[in-house]
Amino acid sequence: MARAVALTPGTEAVGTCVPPAVDLVLGASACCLACVFTNPLEVVKTRLQLQGELQARGTYPRLYRGLVGSVVAVARADGLRGLQKGLAAGLLYQGLMNGVRFYCYSLACQAGLAQQPGGTVVAGAVAGALGAFVGSPAYLVKTQLQAQSVATVAVGHQHQHQSVLGALDTIWRQQGLAGLWRGVGGAVPRVMVGSAAQLATFASAKTWVQERQWFLEDSWLVALAGGMISSVTVVVVMTPLDVVSTRLYNQPVDGAGRGELYKGLADCLLKTCRQEGPLALYKGLGLAYLRLGPHTILSMLFWDELRNLVRRTQHQST
């Protein structure tokens, strides 16, 4: 009996595509599940990326050192619950951004774009840009909540938000609608690059693993291996833009809503390199992989398995 083939996203025939509306729910659910496991590393990564931002002004000592030392510093200052700071905002961001991203990517697959040369890269980039724009307010709040800590270990500007809704309300009242999308200029390129790398390399890596027949074609291990390969590429290309995006989102603003530290993406890149050296763009690289790596692996695995489950259900119903 022939085995059922677990089709790689972007390579399946149009007739076997998961409906885009279903992919919206599956993508959002998969990434929210992954977020629950990886949010503590996101908290530590955010603080590592903000550390040193104002060192030139003599504002902050180096408080966070390495994975273990940083986790201990957060837990000691904020308690174990501090490691899940910003989780609600993180789940909101993952649901909004990835729901839109996977919906648009599925539309591209359904239209046959992903079957064209370079189609998965283009589809992933466009879908990522749209998702980043929609999810930007949630990412703004997530970053600001995760940066907050007691004075002894505080890095970056401290916004003093009490909750997700409170943060959104404060930003809306003080800065207007545009304030909710402050920093989007750094987020869109970051997610565009990451989304293109993630979806394209995941599809290619899965096909490559299947061709070598290391696992059964319908095994979840194929998606796991594809996610592991994809995660390396995602971290390498995303980390510099992730550092810049974190700083743009967390910086204080003046009365007109303009950033007090950076004018935009290019200005932040130049100032960071000039003041802290080019390697500052890879601050928290190890933590970035420990966060983005598992997140990519888990989200792509969950998404792929949920899609396969929907396909099997559709096949049985017909």
Protein backbone atom coordinates (compact mmCIF):
# COMPACT_ATOMS: atom_id res chain seq x y z
CA MET A 1 0.00 0.00 0.00
CA ALA A 2 1.38 3.43 -0.90
CA ARG A 3 2.21 5.67 2.01
CA ALA A 4 0.51 9.05 2.41
CA VAL A 5 2.87 11.83 1.43
CA ALA A 6 3.25 14.81 3.78
CA LEU A 7 3.37 17.61 1.24
CA THR A 8 5.72 20.50 1.74
CA PRO A 9 3.99 23.90 2.07
CA GLY A 10 4.43 25.75 -1.18
CA THR A 11 4.86 22.60 -3.28
CA GLU A 12 1.46 20.95 -2.97
CA ALA A 13 -0.90 20.83 -5.87
CA VAL A 14 -3.55 23.53 -5.87
CA GLY A 15 -6.29 21.03 -5.26
CA THR A 16 -4.69 19.81 -2.04
CA CYS A 17 -4.02 23.26 -0.57
CA VAL A 18 -5.38 24.00 2.87
CA PRO A 19 -7.94 26.83 2.53
CA PRO A 20 -6.38 30.22 3.42
CA ALA A 21 -8.94 30.90 6.16
CA VAL A 22 -8.00 27.59 7.78
CA ASP A 23 -4.30 28.39 7.41
CA LEU A 24 -4.93 31.68 9.23
CA VAL A 25 -6.22 29.79 12.26
CA LEU A 26 -3.59 27.04 12.05
CA GLY A 27 -0.67 29.45 11.63
CA ALA A 28 -1.79 31.69 14.48
CA SER A 29 -2.43 28.70 16.77
CA ALA A 30 0.90 27.04 15.98
CA CYS A 31 2.92 30.18 16.67
CA CYS A 32 1.00 31.00 19.86
CA LEU A 33 1.77 27.50 21.15
CA ALA A 34 5.44 28.02 20.37
CA CYS A 35 5.39 31.45 22.06
CA VAL A 36 4.36 29.96 25.41
CA PHE A 37 7.58 27.93 25.48
CA THR A 38 9.95 30.58 24.10
CA ASN A 39 8.73 33.80 25.78
CA PRO A 40 11.20 33.61 28.72
CA LEU A 41 14.07 33.64 26.23
CA GLU A 42 12.43 36.58 24.47
CA VAL A 43 12.46 38.54 27.75
CA VAL A 44 16.17 37.90 28.27
CA LYS A 45 16.99 38.60 24.61
CA THR A 46 15.17 41.94 24.74
CA ARG A 47 17.18 43.09 27.72
CA LEU A 48 20.47 41.96 26.23
CA GLN A 49 19.70 43.92 23.07
CA LEU A 50 18.84 47.06 25.03
CA GLN A 51 21.88 46.76 27.27
CA GLY A 52 24.61 49.14 26.21
CA GLU A 53 22.20 51.39 24.32
CA LEU A 54 22.97 54.32 26.62
CA GLN A 55 26.36 53.22 27.91
CA ALA A 56 28.00 56.05 25.99
CA ARG A 57 26.15 58.40 28.33
CA GLY A 58 27.27 56.44 31.37
CA THR A 59 23.72 55.43 32.19
CA TYR A 60 23.83 51.65 32.59
CA PRO A 61 26.40 49.12 33.81
CA ARG A 62 26.54 45.71 32.16
CA LEU A 63 23.93 43.79 34.13
CA TYR A 64 23.14 40.84 31.87
CA ARG A 65 25.86 38.33 30.95
CA GLY A 66 25.16 35.16 28.98
CA LEU A 67 22.14 32.89 29.10
CA VAL A 68 22.39 31.52 32.63
CA GLY A 69 23.52 34.80 34.19
CA SER A 70 20.76 36.74 32.43
CA VAL A 71 18.03 34.27 33.39
CA VAL A 72 19.22 34.39 37.00
CA ALA A 73 19.30 38.21 36.95
CA VAL A 74 15.72 38.42 35.65
CA ALA A 75 14.41 35.78 38.07
CA ARG A 76 16.18 37.36 41.04
CA ALA A 77 14.90 40.86 40.27
CA ASP A 78 11.40 40.11 38.96
CA GLY A 79 10.70 36.62 40.28
CA LEU A 80 10.00 33.56 38.16
CA ARG A 81 6.90 35.29 36.78
CA GLY A 82 9.23 37.93 35.39
CA LEU A 83 10.46 35.39 32.85
CA GLN A 84 6.98 35.43 31.30
CA LYS A 85 6.69 39.22 31.14
CA GLY A 86 4.82 40.39 28.08
CA LEU A 87 3.35 36.93 27.39
CA ALA A 88 -0.17 38.24 26.73
CA ALA A 89 1.19 40.84 24.31
CA GLY A 90 3.42 38.17 22.76
CA LEU A 91 0.45 35.88 22.16
CA LEU A 92 -1.53 38.77 20.67
CA TYR A 93 1.39 39.60 18.37
CA GLN A 94 1.91 35.99 17.29
CA GLY A 95 -1.79 35.52 16.60
CA LEU A 96 -2.14 38.72 14.57
CA MET A 97 1.16 38.64 12.71
CA ASN A 98 1.26 34.95 11.90
CA GLY A 99 -2.45 34.67 11.20
CA VAL A 100 -2.08 37.31 8.48
CA ARG A 101 1.28 35.92 7.34
CA PHE A 102 0.14 32.32 6.86
CA TYR A 103 -3.17 33.44 5.36
CA CYS A 104 -1.37 35.51 2.70
CA TYR A 105 1.19 32.77 2.11
CA SER A 106 -1.60 30.24 1.64
CA LEU A 107 -3.27 32.56 -0.86
CA ALA A 108 -0.01 32.67 -2.80
CA CYS A 109 0.22 28.87 -2.75
CA GLN A 110 -3.37 28.58 -3.91
CA ALA A 111 -2.67 31.00 -6.79
CA GLY A 112 0.35 28.92 -7.83
CA LEU A 113 2.93 31.63 -7.04
CA ALA A 114 4.88 29.40 -4.67
CA GLN A 115 5.44 26.84 -7.44
CA GLN A 116 7.35 29.40 -9.52
CA PRO A 117 11.16 29.81 -9.23
CA GLY A 118 11.80 31.98 -6.18
CA GLY A 119 8.08 32.05 -5.50
CA THR A 120 8.35 30.92 -1.88
CA VAL A 121 10.83 33.72 -1.15
CA VAL A 122 8.61 36.40 -2.69
CA ALA A 123 5.44 35.01 -1.11
CA GLY A 124 7.13 34.69 2.29
CA ALA A 125 8.50 38.25 2.15
CA VAL A 126 5.22 39.86 1.12
CA ALA A 127 3.22 37.83 3.63
CA GLY A 128 5.73 38.70 6.36
CA ALA A 129 5.56 42.43 5.58
CA LEU A 130 1.77 42.47 5.82
CA GLY A 131 1.82 40.42 9.01
CA ALA A 132 4.44 42.68 10.60
CA PHE A 133 2.38 45.79 9.84
CA VAL A 134 -0.80 44.35 11.35
CA GLY A 135 0.98 43.00 14.44
CA SER A 136 3.19 46.06 15.03
CA PRO A 137 1.18 47.61 17.92
CA ALA A 138 1.25 44.32 19.82
CA TYR A 139 5.01 43.97 19.24
CA LEU A 140 5.53 47.54 20.47
CA VAL A 141 3.73 46.78 23.74
CA LYS A 142 5.43 43.40 24.12
CA THR A 143 8.89 44.95 23.83
CA GLN A 144 8.12 47.73 26.30
CA LEU A 145 6.61 45.33 28.85
CA GLN A 146 9.54 42.92 28.59
CA ALA A 147 12.04 45.75 29.10
CA GLN A 148 10.41 46.84 32.36
CA SER A 149 12.15 45.82 35.56
CA VAL A 150 13.20 47.13 38.96
CA ALA A 151 15.70 49.98 38.94
CA THR A 152 18.69 47.85 39.93
CA VAL A 153 18.61 45.81 36.71
CA ALA A 154 16.73 48.15 34.37
CA VAL A 155 18.07 48.62 30.84
CA GLY A 156 16.58 50.76 28.11
CA HIS A 157 13.80 53.28 28.63
CA GLN A 158 11.25 52.25 31.29
CA HIS A 159 7.66 52.92 30.18
CA GLN A 160 5.89 51.80 33.37
CA HIS A 161 2.93 50.07 31.72
CA GLN A 162 0.65 47.97 33.93
CA SER A 163 -1.03 45.79 31.31
CA VAL A 164 -1.45 45.26 27.57
CA LEU A 165 -4.69 47.24 27.37
CA GLY A 166 -3.28 49.92 29.66
CA ALA A 167 -0.21 50.24 27.44
CA LEU A 168 -2.29 50.50 24.26
CA ASP A 169 -4.53 53.12 25.89
CA THR A 170 -1.55 55.17 27.13
CA ILE A 171 0.17 55.14 23.75
CA TRP A 172 -3.09 56.00 21.98
CA ARG A 173 -3.81 58.98 24.28
CA GLN A 174 -0.26 60.33 24.29
CA GLN A 175 0.82 59.69 20.70
CA GLY A 176 -2.34 59.04 18.72
CA LEU A 177 -2.90 56.31 16.14
CA ALA A 178 0.53 56.80 14.58
CA GLY A 179 2.15 56.10 17.94
CA LEU A 180 0.81 52.53 17.90
CA TRP A 181 2.77 51.92 14.71
CA ARG A 182 5.99 53.60 15.90
CA GLY A 183 8.91 51.35 15.05
CA VAL A 184 7.09 49.61 12.22
CA GLY A 185 9.83 50.81 9.87
CA GLY A 186 12.23 48.45 11.63
CA ALA A 187 9.74 45.63 12.09
CA VAL A 188 8.61 45.25 8.47
CA PRO A 189 12.13 44.63 7.05
CA ARG A 190 12.92 42.30 9.96
CA VAL A 191 9.85 40.14 9.46
CA MET A 192 10.08 40.31 5.65
CA VAL A 193 13.59 38.89 5.74
CA GLY A 194 12.79 36.37 8.45
CA SER A 195 9.54 35.21 6.85
CA ALA A 196 11.13 34.78 3.43
CA ALA A 197 14.03 32.83 4.94
CA GLN A 198 11.78 30.73 7.17
CA LEU A 199 9.15 29.67 4.66
CA ALA A 200 11.55 29.21 1.73
CA THR A 201 14.17 27.25 3.66
CA PHE A 202 11.55 25.18 5.48
CA ALA A 203 9.99 24.12 2.19
CA SER A 204 13.40 23.37 0.63
CA ALA A 205 14.75 21.63 3.74
CA LYS A 206 11.67 19.42 4.02
CA THR A 207 11.96 18.38 0.39
CA TRP A 208 15.69 17.71 0.85
CA VAL A 209 15.05 15.53 3.92
CA GLN A 210 12.28 13.63 2.13
CA GLU A 211 14.51 12.92 -0.87
CA ARG A 212 17.10 11.30 1.39
CA GLN A 213 14.44 9.05 2.93
CA TRP A 214 15.82 9.38 6.45
CA PHE A 215 12.29 9.19 7.83
CA LEU A 216 8.90 7.97 6.63
CA GLU A 217 7.43 10.54 4.27
CA ASP A 218 4.41 11.14 6.52
CA SER A 219 6.50 11.29 9.73
CA TRP A 220 6.49 14.42 11.90
CA LEU A 221 10.27 14.04 12.05
CA VAL A 222 10.48 15.35 8.47
CA ALA A 223 8.91 18.65 9.54
CA LEU A 224 11.08 18.70 12.67
CA ALA A 225 14.27 18.32 10.63
CA GLY A 226 13.09 20.96 8.16
CA GLY A 227 12.35 23.36 11.00
CA MET A 228 15.79 22.79 12.55
CA ILE A 229 17.55 23.60 9.28
CA SER A 230 15.32 26.61 8.66
CA SER A 231 15.94 27.99 12.15
CA VAL A 232 19.67 28.50 11.54
CA THR A 233 19.05 30.63 8.45
CA VAL A 234 16.33 32.65 10.17
CA VAL A 235 18.53 33.57 13.13
CA VAL A 236 21.53 34.60 11.02
CA VAL A 237 19.55 36.93 8.75
CA MET A 238 17.15 38.30 11.38
CA THR A 239 19.32 39.10 14.40
CA PRO A 240 20.78 42.48 13.24
CA LEU A 241 17.33 43.73 12.26
CA ASP A 242 15.91 42.28 15.48
CA VAL A 243 18.36 44.32 17.58
CA VAL A 244 17.45 47.50 15.68
CA SER A 245 13.73 46.76 15.87
CA THR A 246 13.87 46.22 19.64
CA ARG A 247 15.62 49.56 20.16
CA LEU A 248 13.26 51.47 17.87
CA TYR A 249 10.21 50.10 19.66
CA ASN A 250 11.52 50.75 23.17
CA GLN A 251 13.03 54.23 22.74
CA PRO A 252 11.37 57.22 24.48
CA VAL A 253 9.57 59.82 22.37
CA ASP A 254 9.23 63.59 22.58
CA GLY A 255 6.02 65.58 22.70
CA ALA A 256 5.59 65.31 18.94
CA GLY A 257 5.91 61.51 19.02
CA ARG A 258 9.41 61.49 17.51
CA GLY A 259 12.02 59.07 18.83
CA GLU A 260 14.54 60.72 21.16
CA LEU A 261 17.36 58.29 20.37
CA TYR A 262 16.92 57.26 16.74
CA LYS A 263 15.29 58.81 13.66
CA GLY A 264 14.65 55.47 12.00
CA LEU A 265 16.10 52.16 10.84
CA ALA A 266 19.23 53.52 9.14
CA ASP A 267 19.98 55.96 11.97
CA CYS A 268 19.72 53.19 14.57
CA LEU A 269 22.01 50.92 12.52
CA LEU A 270 24.65 53.63 12.16
CA LYS A 271 24.54 54.78 15.79
CA THR A 272 24.69 51.23 17.13
CA CYS A 273 27.70 50.37 14.94
CA ARG A 274 29.43 53.67 15.70
CA GLN A 275 28.94 53.56 19.48
CA GLU A 276 29.17 49.82 20.19
CA GLY A 277 30.80 48.31 17.11
CA PRO A 278 29.29 46.18 14.30
CA LEU A 279 29.15 43.10 16.53
CA ALA A 280 26.55 44.90 18.65
CA LEU A 281 24.10 44.04 15.87
CA TYR A 282 24.50 40.42 16.92
CA LYS A 283 23.92 41.08 20.61
CA GLY A 284 22.23 38.12 22.20
CA LEU A 285 22.93 35.93 19.15
CA GLY A 286 23.15 32.78 21.26
CA LEU A 287 19.91 33.69 23.00
CA ALA A 288 18.41 34.71 19.69
CA TYR A 289 19.00 31.19 18.41
CA LEU A 290 17.77 29.63 21.64
CA ARG A 291 14.60 31.70 21.24
CA LEU A 292 14.13 31.90 17.46
CA GLY A 293 15.46 28.40 16.87
CA PRO A 294 12.94 26.55 19.05
CA HIS A 295 10.22 29.01 18.04
CA THR A 296 10.85 28.35 14.35
CA ILE A 297 11.11 24.60 14.89
CA LEU A 298 7.98 24.37 17.05
CA SER A 299 5.84 26.77 15.03
CA MET A 300 6.69 25.13 11.69
CA LEU A 301 6.25 21.65 13.18
CA PHE A 302 2.88 22.53 14.75
CA TRP A 303 1.74 24.27 11.53
CA ASP A 304 2.79 21.40 9.30
CA GLU A 305 1.17 18.75 11.49
CA LEU A 306 -2.05 20.75 11.84
CA ARG A 307 -2.16 21.16 8.04
CA ASN A 308 -1.64 17.43 7.56
CA LEU A 309 -4.44 16.74 10.03
CA VAL A 310 -6.79 19.02 8.06
CA ARG A 311 -5.82 17.34 4.78
CA ARG A 312 -6.47 13.87 6.21
CA THR A 313 -9.84 15.03 7.53
CA GLN A 314 -10.73 16.52 4.13
CA HIS A 315 -9.64 13.30 2.37
CA GLN A 316 -11.70 11.10 4.70
CA SER A 317 -14.79 13.30 4.26
CA THR A 318 -14.57 12.90 0.48
